[in-house]
N, C-alpha and C. Protein backbone atom coordinates (compact mmCIF):
# COMPACT_ATOMS: atom_id res chain seq x y z
N UNK A 1 -73.93 -84.68 31.82
CA UNK A 1 -73.98 -86.15 31.91
C UNK A 1 -75.41 -86.62 31.68
N UNK A 2 -75.57 -87.60 30.81
CA UNK A 2 -76.90 -88.11 30.49
C UNK A 2 -77.52 -88.83 31.68
N UNK A 3 -78.84 -88.69 31.82
CA UNK A 3 -79.55 -89.38 32.90
C UNK A 3 -79.43 -90.89 32.72
N UNK A 4 -79.43 -91.61 33.82
CA UNK A 4 -79.22 -93.06 33.78
C UNK A 4 -80.36 -93.79 33.09
N UNK A 5 -81.54 -93.17 33.04
CA UNK A 5 -82.67 -93.85 32.41
C UNK A 5 -82.65 -93.74 30.88
N UNK A 6 -81.73 -92.92 30.35
CA UNK A 6 -81.64 -92.79 28.90
C UNK A 6 -80.80 -93.92 28.31
N UNK A 7 -81.35 -94.69 27.36
CA UNK A 7 -80.56 -95.75 26.73
C UNK A 7 -79.35 -95.17 26.01
N UNK A 8 -78.26 -95.94 25.96
CA UNK A 8 -77.04 -95.47 25.32
C UNK A 8 -77.04 -95.74 23.82
N UNK A 9 -77.66 -96.84 23.40
CA UNK A 9 -77.64 -97.19 21.98
C UNK A 9 -78.70 -96.40 21.22
N UNK A 10 -78.46 -96.17 19.94
CA UNK A 10 -79.44 -95.47 19.11
C UNK A 10 -80.75 -96.23 19.04
N UNK A 11 -80.66 -97.57 18.89
CA UNK A 11 -81.88 -98.37 18.78
C UNK A 11 -82.71 -98.26 20.05
N UNK A 12 -82.04 -98.34 21.20
CA UNK A 12 -82.76 -98.23 22.47
C UNK A 12 -83.34 -96.85 22.67
N UNK A 13 -82.61 -95.82 22.20
CA UNK A 13 -83.08 -94.45 22.36
C UNK A 13 -84.32 -94.19 21.51
N UNK A 14 -84.37 -94.76 20.30
CA UNK A 14 -85.54 -94.59 19.45
C UNK A 14 -86.77 -95.19 20.11
N UNK A 15 -86.62 -96.37 20.71
CA UNK A 15 -87.74 -97.01 21.42
C UNK A 15 -88.18 -96.13 22.59
N UNK A 16 -87.20 -95.61 23.33
CA UNK A 16 -87.51 -94.78 24.49
C UNK A 16 -88.25 -93.51 24.08
N UNK A 17 -87.78 -92.83 23.04
CA UNK A 17 -88.41 -91.59 22.59
C UNK A 17 -89.80 -91.86 22.01
N UNK A 18 -89.96 -92.97 21.30
CA UNK A 18 -91.27 -93.32 20.76
C UNK A 18 -92.29 -93.48 21.88
N UNK A 19 -91.85 -94.10 22.98
CA UNK A 19 -92.73 -94.23 24.13
C UNK A 19 -93.05 -92.87 24.74
N UNK A 20 -92.02 -91.99 24.80
CA UNK A 20 -92.24 -90.65 25.35
C UNK A 20 -93.26 -89.88 24.52
N UNK A 21 -93.16 -89.99 23.19
CA UNK A 21 -94.10 -89.27 22.32
C UNK A 21 -95.53 -89.76 22.50
N UNK A 22 -95.67 -91.00 22.94
CA UNK A 22 -97.01 -91.55 23.19
C UNK A 22 -97.52 -91.17 24.58
N UNK A 23 -96.60 -91.22 25.56
CA UNK A 23 -97.02 -91.02 26.95
C UNK A 23 -97.13 -89.55 27.35
N UNK A 24 -96.26 -88.68 26.81
CA UNK A 24 -96.22 -87.29 27.28
C UNK A 24 -97.52 -86.52 27.04
N UNK A 25 -98.17 -86.67 25.87
CA UNK A 25 -99.42 -85.90 25.66
C UNK A 25 -100.47 -86.17 26.74
N UNK A 26 -100.51 -87.40 27.20
CA UNK A 26 -101.53 -87.74 28.21
C UNK A 26 -101.14 -87.25 29.60
N UNK A 27 -99.86 -86.98 29.83
CA UNK A 27 -99.39 -86.58 31.15
C UNK A 27 -99.10 -85.09 31.27
N UNK A 28 -98.94 -84.40 30.13
CA UNK A 28 -98.46 -83.03 30.14
C UNK A 28 -99.32 -82.09 30.99
N UNK A 29 -100.63 -82.12 30.78
CA UNK A 29 -101.51 -81.19 31.48
C UNK A 29 -101.52 -81.45 32.99
N UNK A 30 -101.59 -82.74 33.35
CA UNK A 30 -101.62 -83.10 34.77
C UNK A 30 -100.32 -82.71 35.47
N UNK A 31 -99.23 -82.69 34.73
CA UNK A 31 -97.93 -82.37 35.31
C UNK A 31 -97.60 -80.88 35.22
N UNK A 32 -98.54 -80.11 34.67
CA UNK A 32 -98.37 -78.66 34.65
C UNK A 32 -97.41 -78.14 33.61
N UNK A 33 -97.24 -78.85 32.52
CA UNK A 33 -96.35 -78.37 31.45
C UNK A 33 -97.01 -77.22 30.71
N UNK A 34 -96.22 -76.20 30.43
CA UNK A 34 -96.74 -75.10 29.64
C UNK A 34 -96.78 -75.52 28.18
N UNK A 35 -97.63 -74.90 27.35
CA UNK A 35 -97.67 -75.25 25.92
C UNK A 35 -96.31 -75.11 25.24
N UNK A 36 -95.56 -74.09 25.62
CA UNK A 36 -94.24 -73.89 25.01
C UNK A 36 -93.27 -75.01 25.39
N UNK A 37 -93.28 -75.36 26.67
CA UNK A 37 -92.39 -76.43 27.15
C UNK A 37 -92.76 -77.77 26.50
N UNK A 38 -94.06 -78.01 26.40
CA UNK A 38 -94.54 -79.25 25.80
C UNK A 38 -94.13 -79.32 24.33
N UNK A 39 -94.37 -78.24 23.58
CA UNK A 39 -94.04 -78.23 22.15
C UNK A 39 -92.53 -78.41 21.94
N UNK A 40 -91.74 -77.75 22.77
CA UNK A 40 -90.29 -77.86 22.64
C UNK A 40 -89.83 -79.30 22.87
N UNK A 41 -90.38 -79.95 23.91
CA UNK A 41 -89.99 -81.33 24.22
C UNK A 41 -90.36 -82.27 23.08
N UNK A 42 -91.57 -82.11 22.54
CA UNK A 42 -92.02 -82.97 21.44
C UNK A 42 -91.17 -82.74 20.20
N UNK A 43 -90.92 -81.47 19.86
CA UNK A 43 -90.13 -81.16 18.68
C UNK A 43 -88.71 -81.71 18.80
N UNK A 44 -88.11 -81.57 19.97
CA UNK A 44 -86.75 -82.05 20.17
C UNK A 44 -86.70 -83.58 20.07
N UNK A 45 -87.70 -84.25 20.63
CA UNK A 45 -87.75 -85.70 20.58
C UNK A 45 -87.87 -86.19 19.14
N UNK A 46 -88.75 -85.56 18.38
CA UNK A 46 -88.95 -85.94 16.98
C UNK A 46 -87.67 -85.67 16.17
N UNK A 47 -86.97 -84.58 16.49
CA UNK A 47 -85.74 -84.24 15.76
C UNK A 47 -84.67 -85.31 15.97
N UNK A 48 -84.57 -85.82 17.20
CA UNK A 48 -83.58 -86.86 17.48
C UNK A 48 -83.90 -88.13 16.70
N UNK A 49 -85.17 -88.55 16.71
CA UNK A 49 -85.58 -89.75 15.99
C UNK A 49 -85.31 -89.60 14.49
N UNK A 50 -85.62 -88.43 13.94
CA UNK A 50 -85.39 -88.17 12.52
C UNK A 50 -83.91 -88.23 12.19
N UNK A 51 -83.08 -87.65 13.06
CA UNK A 51 -81.63 -87.64 12.83
C UNK A 51 -81.05 -89.05 12.87
N UNK A 52 -81.51 -89.86 13.83
CA UNK A 52 -81.03 -91.23 13.93
C UNK A 52 -81.43 -92.03 12.70
N UNK A 53 -82.67 -91.84 12.24
CA UNK A 53 -83.14 -92.53 11.04
C UNK A 53 -82.29 -92.16 9.83
N UNK A 54 -81.94 -90.87 9.73
CA UNK A 54 -81.11 -90.41 8.62
C UNK A 54 -79.72 -91.03 8.69
N UNK A 55 -79.16 -91.10 9.91
CA UNK A 55 -77.85 -91.74 10.09
C UNK A 55 -77.89 -93.20 9.67
N UNK A 56 -78.94 -93.90 10.07
CA UNK A 56 -79.05 -95.32 9.75
C UNK A 56 -79.17 -95.52 8.24
N UNK A 57 -79.89 -94.61 7.58
CA UNK A 57 -80.03 -94.72 6.12
C UNK A 57 -78.68 -94.50 5.44
N UNK A 58 -77.94 -93.49 5.90
CA UNK A 58 -76.62 -93.23 5.34
C UNK A 58 -75.67 -94.39 5.63
N UNK A 59 -75.80 -94.95 6.82
CA UNK A 59 -74.95 -96.09 7.20
C UNK A 59 -75.26 -97.30 6.31
N UNK A 60 -76.55 -97.52 6.02
CA UNK A 60 -76.94 -98.64 5.15
C UNK A 60 -76.40 -98.42 3.74
N UNK A 61 -76.47 -97.17 3.26
CA UNK A 61 -75.94 -96.85 1.93
C UNK A 61 -74.43 -97.09 1.90
N UNK A 62 -73.76 -96.67 2.98
CA UNK A 62 -72.30 -96.86 3.06
C UNK A 62 -71.96 -98.34 3.06
N UNK A 63 -72.71 -99.13 3.83
CA UNK A 63 -72.46 -100.57 3.86
C UNK A 63 -72.64 -101.19 2.48
N UNK A 64 -73.69 -100.75 1.76
CA UNK A 64 -73.93 -101.28 0.42
C UNK A 64 -72.79 -100.91 -0.52
N UNK A 65 -72.28 -99.67 -0.39
CA UNK A 65 -71.17 -99.24 -1.24
C UNK A 65 -69.91 -100.04 -0.93
N UNK A 66 -69.67 -100.28 0.34
CA UNK A 66 -68.50 -101.07 0.74
C UNK A 66 -68.62 -102.50 0.21
N UNK A 67 -69.84 -103.06 0.27
CA UNK A 67 -70.05 -104.42 -0.23
C UNK A 67 -69.81 -104.49 -1.74
N UNK A 68 -70.28 -103.46 -2.46
CA UNK A 68 -70.07 -103.43 -3.91
C UNK A 68 -68.58 -103.34 -4.23
N UNK A 69 -67.87 -102.50 -3.48
CA UNK A 69 -66.43 -102.37 -3.69
C UNK A 69 -65.71 -103.68 -3.39
N UNK A 70 -66.13 -104.36 -2.33
CA UNK A 70 -65.52 -105.64 -1.97
C UNK A 70 -65.73 -106.67 -3.08
N UNK A 71 -66.95 -106.72 -3.63
CA UNK A 71 -67.22 -107.65 -4.73
C UNK A 71 -66.37 -107.32 -5.95
N UNK A 72 -66.28 -106.02 -6.26
CA UNK A 72 -65.48 -105.60 -7.40
C UNK A 72 -64.02 -105.92 -7.18
N UNK A 73 -63.54 -105.66 -5.96
CA UNK A 73 -62.15 -105.95 -5.64
C UNK A 73 -61.84 -107.44 -5.82
N UNK A 74 -62.74 -108.27 -5.30
CA UNK A 74 -62.53 -109.72 -5.41
C UNK A 74 -62.50 -110.16 -6.87
N UNK A 75 -63.47 -109.69 -7.66
CA UNK A 75 -63.56 -110.08 -9.06
C UNK A 75 -62.35 -109.58 -9.85
N UNK A 76 -62.01 -108.30 -9.66
CA UNK A 76 -60.91 -107.70 -10.44
C UNK A 76 -59.57 -108.30 -10.06
N UNK A 77 -59.30 -108.42 -8.75
CA UNK A 77 -58.00 -108.92 -8.33
C UNK A 77 -57.82 -110.40 -8.65
N UNK A 78 -58.92 -111.15 -8.64
CA UNK A 78 -58.85 -112.55 -9.04
C UNK A 78 -58.40 -112.67 -10.49
N UNK A 79 -58.97 -111.82 -11.35
CA UNK A 79 -58.60 -111.84 -12.76
C UNK A 79 -57.16 -111.35 -12.96
N UNK A 80 -56.78 -110.28 -12.26
CA UNK A 80 -55.41 -109.78 -12.37
C UNK A 80 -54.41 -110.84 -11.89
N UNK A 81 -54.74 -111.49 -10.80
CA UNK A 81 -53.86 -112.54 -10.28
C UNK A 81 -53.74 -113.68 -11.29
N UNK A 82 -54.87 -114.03 -11.94
CA UNK A 82 -54.82 -115.09 -12.94
C UNK A 82 -53.88 -114.72 -14.09
N UNK A 83 -53.94 -113.46 -14.51
CA UNK A 83 -53.07 -113.00 -15.60
C UNK A 83 -51.61 -113.09 -15.19
N UNK A 84 -51.30 -112.62 -13.97
CA UNK A 84 -49.91 -112.64 -13.50
C UNK A 84 -49.41 -114.07 -13.38
N UNK A 85 -50.25 -114.96 -12.85
CA UNK A 85 -49.83 -116.36 -12.72
C UNK A 85 -49.57 -116.97 -14.08
N UNK A 86 -50.36 -116.58 -15.09
CA UNK A 86 -50.10 -117.08 -16.45
C UNK A 86 -48.78 -116.52 -16.97
N UNK A 87 -48.53 -115.25 -16.71
CA UNK A 87 -47.28 -114.63 -17.17
C UNK A 87 -46.06 -115.30 -16.54
N UNK A 88 -46.22 -115.80 -15.34
CA UNK A 88 -45.10 -116.48 -14.67
C UNK A 88 -44.67 -117.75 -15.40
N UNK A 89 -45.56 -118.29 -16.21
CA UNK A 89 -45.22 -119.51 -16.96
C UNK A 89 -44.57 -119.19 -18.30
N UNK A 90 -44.48 -117.91 -18.63
CA UNK A 90 -43.87 -117.51 -19.90
C UNK A 90 -42.36 -117.78 -19.88
N UNK A 91 -41.79 -118.24 -21.01
CA UNK A 91 -40.34 -118.48 -21.07
C UNK A 91 -39.52 -117.23 -20.77
N UNK A 92 -40.07 -116.06 -21.04
CA UNK A 92 -39.33 -114.83 -20.82
C UNK A 92 -39.45 -114.26 -19.41
N UNK A 93 -40.20 -114.96 -18.53
CA UNK A 93 -40.40 -114.46 -17.18
C UNK A 93 -39.16 -114.68 -16.33
N UNK A 94 -38.71 -113.65 -15.61
CA UNK A 94 -37.57 -113.75 -14.70
C UNK A 94 -37.95 -113.17 -13.35
N UNK A 95 -37.09 -113.34 -12.36
CA UNK A 95 -37.35 -112.78 -11.03
C UNK A 95 -37.42 -111.26 -11.11
N UNK A 96 -36.59 -110.67 -11.99
CA UNK A 96 -36.64 -109.22 -12.17
C UNK A 96 -37.98 -108.79 -12.74
N UNK A 97 -38.54 -109.61 -13.65
CA UNK A 97 -39.87 -109.31 -14.19
C UNK A 97 -40.89 -109.34 -13.06
N UNK A 98 -40.76 -110.36 -12.21
CA UNK A 98 -41.68 -110.48 -11.09
C UNK A 98 -41.60 -109.29 -10.15
N UNK A 99 -40.37 -108.80 -9.90
CA UNK A 99 -40.21 -107.63 -9.03
C UNK A 99 -40.83 -106.40 -9.67
N UNK A 100 -40.66 -106.28 -11.00
CA UNK A 100 -41.24 -105.13 -11.70
C UNK A 100 -42.76 -105.14 -11.60
N UNK A 101 -43.35 -106.34 -11.63
CA UNK A 101 -44.79 -106.48 -11.52
C UNK A 101 -45.25 -106.53 -10.06
N UNK A 102 -44.28 -106.46 -9.15
CA UNK A 102 -44.54 -106.60 -7.71
C UNK A 102 -45.23 -107.92 -7.40
N UNK A 103 -44.83 -108.95 -8.14
CA UNK A 103 -45.40 -110.28 -7.95
C UNK A 103 -44.48 -111.15 -7.12
N UNK A 104 -43.43 -110.56 -6.54
CA UNK A 104 -42.51 -111.28 -5.67
C UNK A 104 -42.50 -110.55 -4.32
N UNK A 105 -43.01 -111.17 -3.26
CA UNK A 105 -43.05 -110.48 -1.96
C UNK A 105 -41.65 -110.19 -1.46
N UNK A 106 -41.46 -109.02 -0.88
CA UNK A 106 -40.15 -108.66 -0.34
C UNK A 106 -39.90 -109.41 0.95
N UNK A 107 -38.63 -109.60 1.28
CA UNK A 107 -38.29 -110.30 2.53
C UNK A 107 -38.79 -109.51 3.73
N UNK A 108 -38.75 -108.18 3.63
CA UNK A 108 -39.23 -107.36 4.74
C UNK A 108 -40.71 -107.60 5.00
N UNK A 109 -41.48 -107.75 3.91
CA UNK A 109 -42.92 -107.97 4.05
C UNK A 109 -43.20 -109.31 4.71
N UNK A 110 -42.40 -110.34 4.34
CA UNK A 110 -42.59 -111.67 4.93
C UNK A 110 -42.33 -111.64 6.42
N UNK A 111 -41.25 -110.97 6.83
CA UNK A 111 -40.93 -110.86 8.25
C UNK A 111 -42.03 -110.09 8.98
N UNK A 112 -42.52 -109.04 8.33
CA UNK A 112 -43.57 -108.23 8.95
C UNK A 112 -44.82 -109.06 9.20
N UNK A 113 -45.21 -109.87 8.24
CA UNK A 113 -46.40 -110.69 8.39
C UNK A 113 -46.22 -111.72 9.50
N UNK A 114 -45.03 -112.21 9.66
CA UNK A 114 -44.79 -113.23 10.67
C UNK A 114 -44.94 -112.68 12.09
N UNK A 115 -44.77 -111.39 12.23
CA UNK A 115 -44.84 -110.78 13.56
C UNK A 115 -46.02 -109.83 13.71
N UNK A 116 -46.85 -109.74 12.67
CA UNK A 116 -47.94 -108.75 12.68
C UNK A 116 -48.97 -109.09 13.75
N UNK A 117 -49.40 -108.06 14.47
CA UNK A 117 -50.41 -108.22 15.52
C UNK A 117 -51.50 -107.19 15.30
N UNK A 118 -52.70 -107.62 14.90
CA UNK A 118 -53.78 -106.65 14.66
C UNK A 118 -54.12 -105.85 15.92
N UNK A 119 -54.50 -104.61 15.71
CA UNK A 119 -54.97 -103.76 16.80
C UNK A 119 -56.46 -103.50 16.59
N UNK A 120 -57.26 -103.77 17.62
CA UNK A 120 -58.70 -103.65 17.51
C UNK A 120 -59.23 -102.57 18.44
N UNK A 121 -60.32 -101.93 18.01
CA UNK A 121 -61.14 -101.10 18.89
C UNK A 121 -62.58 -101.31 18.45
N UNK A 122 -63.51 -101.16 19.37
CA UNK A 122 -64.90 -101.49 19.04
C UNK A 122 -65.87 -100.55 19.74
N UNK A 123 -67.03 -100.37 19.11
CA UNK A 123 -68.13 -99.62 19.72
C UNK A 123 -69.43 -100.35 19.40
N UNK A 124 -70.42 -100.19 20.27
CA UNK A 124 -71.77 -100.70 19.99
C UNK A 124 -72.52 -99.61 19.25
N UNK A 125 -73.12 -99.98 18.11
CA UNK A 125 -73.79 -98.97 17.27
C UNK A 125 -74.97 -99.61 16.56
N UNK A 126 -76.13 -98.99 16.71
CA UNK A 126 -77.32 -99.45 15.99
C UNK A 126 -77.66 -100.90 16.24
N UNK A 127 -77.48 -101.36 17.47
CA UNK A 127 -77.82 -102.74 17.80
C UNK A 127 -76.79 -103.76 17.38
N UNK A 128 -75.61 -103.30 16.98
CA UNK A 128 -74.54 -104.23 16.60
C UNK A 128 -73.22 -103.73 17.16
N UNK A 129 -72.20 -104.58 17.12
CA UNK A 129 -70.86 -104.20 17.56
C UNK A 129 -70.00 -103.98 16.33
N UNK A 130 -69.39 -102.82 16.23
CA UNK A 130 -68.51 -102.50 15.09
C UNK A 130 -67.06 -102.56 15.55
N UNK A 131 -66.28 -103.39 14.86
CA UNK A 131 -64.87 -103.57 15.21
C UNK A 131 -64.00 -102.88 14.16
N UNK A 132 -63.22 -101.93 14.59
CA UNK A 132 -62.32 -101.21 13.70
C UNK A 132 -60.93 -101.84 13.75
N UNK A 133 -60.29 -101.94 12.59
CA UNK A 133 -58.93 -102.46 12.49
C UNK A 133 -58.29 -101.90 11.23
N UNK A 134 -56.97 -102.05 11.10
CA UNK A 134 -56.26 -101.54 9.93
C UNK A 134 -55.68 -102.69 9.13
N UNK A 135 -55.80 -102.57 7.78
CA UNK A 135 -55.32 -103.64 6.90
C UNK A 135 -53.80 -103.78 6.97
N UNK A 136 -53.10 -102.68 6.87
CA UNK A 136 -51.64 -102.77 6.85
C UNK A 136 -51.17 -103.70 5.75
N UNK A 137 -50.34 -104.68 6.11
CA UNK A 137 -49.82 -105.64 5.14
C UNK A 137 -50.72 -106.85 4.99
N UNK A 138 -51.87 -106.85 5.66
CA UNK A 138 -52.75 -108.01 5.66
C UNK A 138 -53.71 -108.02 4.48
N UNK A 139 -54.19 -109.22 4.14
CA UNK A 139 -55.31 -109.34 3.20
C UNK A 139 -56.63 -109.22 3.94
N UNK A 140 -56.61 -109.50 5.24
CA UNK A 140 -57.82 -109.44 6.05
C UNK A 140 -57.55 -109.96 7.44
N UNK A 141 -58.61 -110.19 8.20
CA UNK A 141 -58.50 -110.78 9.53
C UNK A 141 -59.59 -111.82 9.73
N UNK A 142 -59.33 -112.76 10.61
CA UNK A 142 -60.36 -113.67 11.11
C UNK A 142 -60.74 -113.20 12.50
N UNK A 143 -62.04 -113.06 12.74
CA UNK A 143 -62.54 -112.50 13.99
C UNK A 143 -63.13 -113.61 14.85
N UNK A 144 -62.77 -113.59 16.13
CA UNK A 144 -63.25 -114.58 17.10
C UNK A 144 -63.87 -113.85 18.29
N UNK A 145 -64.80 -114.53 18.97
CA UNK A 145 -65.44 -113.91 20.11
C UNK A 145 -65.85 -114.97 21.14
N UNK A 146 -66.01 -114.49 22.36
CA UNK A 146 -66.55 -115.35 23.43
C UNK A 146 -67.19 -114.44 24.46
N UNK A 147 -68.09 -114.99 25.28
CA UNK A 147 -68.65 -114.24 26.38
C UNK A 147 -67.67 -114.27 27.54
N UNK A 148 -67.67 -113.19 28.33
CA UNK A 148 -66.78 -113.12 29.47
C UNK A 148 -67.00 -114.32 30.38
N UNK A 149 -65.94 -115.02 30.71
CA UNK A 149 -66.03 -116.21 31.55
C UNK A 149 -65.90 -117.50 30.78
N UNK A 150 -66.18 -117.45 29.45
CA UNK A 150 -66.00 -118.64 28.63
C UNK A 150 -64.53 -118.87 28.34
N UNK A 151 -64.18 -120.12 28.06
CA UNK A 151 -62.78 -120.45 27.82
C UNK A 151 -62.42 -120.35 26.35
N UNK A 152 -63.25 -120.93 25.49
CA UNK A 152 -62.93 -121.02 24.06
C UNK A 152 -63.51 -119.86 23.27
N UNK A 153 -62.75 -119.39 22.30
CA UNK A 153 -63.24 -118.40 21.35
C UNK A 153 -63.96 -119.09 20.19
N UNK A 154 -65.02 -118.44 19.69
CA UNK A 154 -65.77 -118.95 18.55
C UNK A 154 -65.47 -118.08 17.33
N UNK A 155 -65.23 -118.73 16.20
CA UNK A 155 -64.95 -118.00 14.96
C UNK A 155 -66.22 -117.31 14.48
N UNK A 156 -66.15 -116.00 14.26
CA UNK A 156 -67.30 -115.24 13.78
C UNK A 156 -67.29 -115.07 12.27
N UNK A 157 -66.11 -114.80 11.71
CA UNK A 157 -66.06 -114.60 10.27
C UNK A 157 -64.76 -113.95 9.83
N UNK A 158 -64.61 -113.88 8.52
CA UNK A 158 -63.44 -113.24 7.91
C UNK A 158 -63.83 -111.87 7.40
N UNK A 159 -62.93 -110.90 7.54
CA UNK A 159 -63.20 -109.56 7.04
C UNK A 159 -61.99 -109.06 6.27
N UNK A 160 -62.23 -108.54 5.07
CA UNK A 160 -61.14 -108.03 4.25
C UNK A 160 -61.24 -106.52 4.05
N UNK A 161 -62.29 -105.91 4.59
CA UNK A 161 -62.49 -104.47 4.40
C UNK A 161 -63.02 -103.85 5.69
N UNK A 162 -62.15 -103.22 6.47
CA UNK A 162 -62.58 -102.65 7.75
C UNK A 162 -63.71 -101.64 7.57
N UNK A 163 -64.60 -101.50 8.58
CA UNK A 163 -64.63 -102.23 9.83
C UNK A 163 -65.43 -103.53 9.70
N UNK A 164 -65.38 -104.36 10.76
CA UNK A 164 -66.14 -105.60 10.80
C UNK A 164 -67.33 -105.40 11.74
N UNK A 165 -68.52 -105.82 11.30
CA UNK A 165 -69.72 -105.69 12.12
C UNK A 165 -70.17 -107.04 12.65
N UNK A 166 -70.30 -107.12 13.97
CA UNK A 166 -70.89 -108.30 14.61
C UNK A 166 -72.36 -107.98 14.84
N UNK A 167 -73.24 -108.59 14.03
CA UNK A 167 -74.66 -108.27 14.05
C UNK A 167 -75.47 -109.18 14.96
N UNK A 168 -74.82 -109.99 15.78
CA UNK A 168 -75.56 -110.84 16.70
C UNK A 168 -76.36 -109.98 17.68
N UNK A 169 -77.59 -110.43 18.03
CA UNK A 169 -78.41 -109.64 18.97
C UNK A 169 -77.67 -109.37 20.27
N UNK A 170 -77.84 -108.15 20.78
CA UNK A 170 -77.18 -107.74 22.02
C UNK A 170 -78.11 -107.98 23.20
N UNK A 171 -77.59 -108.64 24.22
CA UNK A 171 -78.32 -108.84 25.47
C UNK A 171 -77.83 -107.80 26.48
N UNK A 172 -78.73 -106.97 27.03
CA UNK A 172 -78.30 -105.95 27.99
C UNK A 172 -77.50 -106.57 29.13
N UNK A 173 -76.37 -105.96 29.45
CA UNK A 173 -75.51 -106.44 30.51
C UNK A 173 -74.49 -107.47 30.06
N UNK A 174 -74.59 -107.89 28.79
CA UNK A 174 -73.66 -108.89 28.26
C UNK A 174 -72.27 -108.29 28.11
N UNK A 175 -71.26 -109.09 28.41
CA UNK A 175 -69.87 -108.66 28.22
C UNK A 175 -69.22 -109.62 27.22
N UNK A 176 -68.77 -109.08 26.10
CA UNK A 176 -68.14 -109.89 25.07
C UNK A 176 -66.65 -109.62 24.99
N UNK A 177 -65.93 -110.64 24.60
CA UNK A 177 -64.50 -110.51 24.35
C UNK A 177 -64.24 -110.83 22.88
N UNK A 178 -63.40 -110.04 22.26
CA UNK A 178 -63.06 -110.23 20.85
C UNK A 178 -61.56 -110.40 20.69
N UNK A 179 -61.21 -111.19 19.68
CA UNK A 179 -59.80 -111.36 19.32
C UNK A 179 -59.74 -111.59 17.82
N UNK A 180 -58.69 -111.14 17.18
CA UNK A 180 -58.55 -111.33 15.73
C UNK A 180 -57.12 -111.74 15.42
N UNK A 181 -56.97 -112.40 14.28
CA UNK A 181 -55.64 -112.75 13.80
C UNK A 181 -55.58 -112.43 12.31
N UNK A 182 -54.42 -111.96 11.88
CA UNK A 182 -54.26 -111.54 10.50
C UNK A 182 -54.34 -112.69 9.51
N UNK A 183 -54.75 -112.37 8.28
CA UNK A 183 -54.82 -113.35 7.20
C UNK A 183 -54.07 -112.80 5.99
N UNK A 184 -53.20 -113.62 5.41
CA UNK A 184 -52.49 -113.27 4.19
C UNK A 184 -52.37 -114.52 3.34
N UNK A 185 -52.65 -114.36 2.05
CA UNK A 185 -52.60 -115.51 1.13
C UNK A 185 -53.47 -116.66 1.64
N UNK A 186 -54.65 -116.29 2.19
CA UNK A 186 -55.67 -117.26 2.66
C UNK A 186 -55.22 -118.07 3.87
N UNK A 187 -54.19 -117.62 4.58
CA UNK A 187 -53.74 -118.32 5.78
C UNK A 187 -53.59 -117.33 6.93
N UNK A 188 -53.85 -117.82 8.15
CA UNK A 188 -53.65 -116.97 9.32
C UNK A 188 -52.16 -116.76 9.55
N UNK A 189 -51.79 -115.52 9.84
CA UNK A 189 -50.38 -115.17 10.02
C UNK A 189 -50.22 -114.30 11.26
N UNK A 190 -48.99 -114.24 11.72
CA UNK A 190 -48.66 -113.33 12.81
C UNK A 190 -49.21 -113.76 14.16
N UNK A 191 -49.40 -112.77 15.03
CA UNK A 191 -49.83 -113.01 16.40
C UNK A 191 -51.29 -112.58 16.60
N UNK A 192 -52.02 -113.28 17.47
CA UNK A 192 -53.39 -112.83 17.75
C UNK A 192 -53.38 -111.45 18.40
N UNK A 193 -54.43 -110.69 18.16
CA UNK A 193 -54.55 -109.37 18.77
C UNK A 193 -54.71 -109.52 20.28
N UNK A 194 -54.52 -108.41 20.98
CA UNK A 194 -54.89 -108.40 22.39
C UNK A 194 -56.40 -108.62 22.49
N UNK A 195 -56.85 -109.21 23.58
CA UNK A 195 -58.27 -109.44 23.78
C UNK A 195 -58.97 -108.12 24.06
N UNK A 196 -60.03 -107.85 23.33
CA UNK A 196 -60.82 -106.63 23.49
C UNK A 196 -62.09 -106.98 24.24
N UNK A 197 -62.32 -106.33 25.37
CA UNK A 197 -63.49 -106.59 26.20
C UNK A 197 -64.48 -105.44 26.08
N UNK A 198 -65.76 -105.78 25.84
CA UNK A 198 -66.77 -104.76 25.60
C UNK A 198 -68.03 -105.10 26.40
N UNK A 199 -68.43 -104.18 27.30
CA UNK A 199 -69.68 -104.33 28.05
C UNK A 199 -70.81 -103.72 27.23
N UNK A 200 -71.88 -104.46 27.04
CA UNK A 200 -72.96 -104.05 26.14
C UNK A 200 -74.21 -103.67 26.90
N UNK A 201 -74.94 -102.69 26.36
CA UNK A 201 -76.23 -102.30 26.89
C UNK A 201 -77.26 -102.45 25.79
N UNK A 202 -78.52 -102.28 26.12
CA UNK A 202 -79.59 -102.42 25.12
C UNK A 202 -79.44 -101.37 24.05
């Protein structure tokens, strides 16, 4: 079990270790640390900071890749949708043609959207809250949040590619509540998710 003085978040841990790397050299001799013990502590501390930095770099690259894919998806699907909508005006277009192109939603899908309830889970990571959800039959979700004790939820944003990151600064001891509702064809559909409560640390 980690000591209570160790920060839980990566960002807080980097600050803590940076302070340790500054303070330990001045205290080591007075506290009777052996050279081997001192070197091991310093090396381990530096290894953790390096690993966290590498994770953050990979995470930033992943976010950039996801953003590029989202832009490509929006551009490509907008054009494909435009083509299909034009084809629908053709004299030869029939409902069977639409089904072949999958341009006619099935009745089962409509019923599913009417009752769809997003499922959320969240973790605090790198100074932000990451909300995981599944697309399923949805085009995306609208995310809402409030502080514990508040009555009204505030709209945070729309997300079409899981996960959703809430990058608002975290206040130690803050407790946030999140809720989301599905979006299809640019409209909110289905039922709101269960309220997700998350206690945050630095």
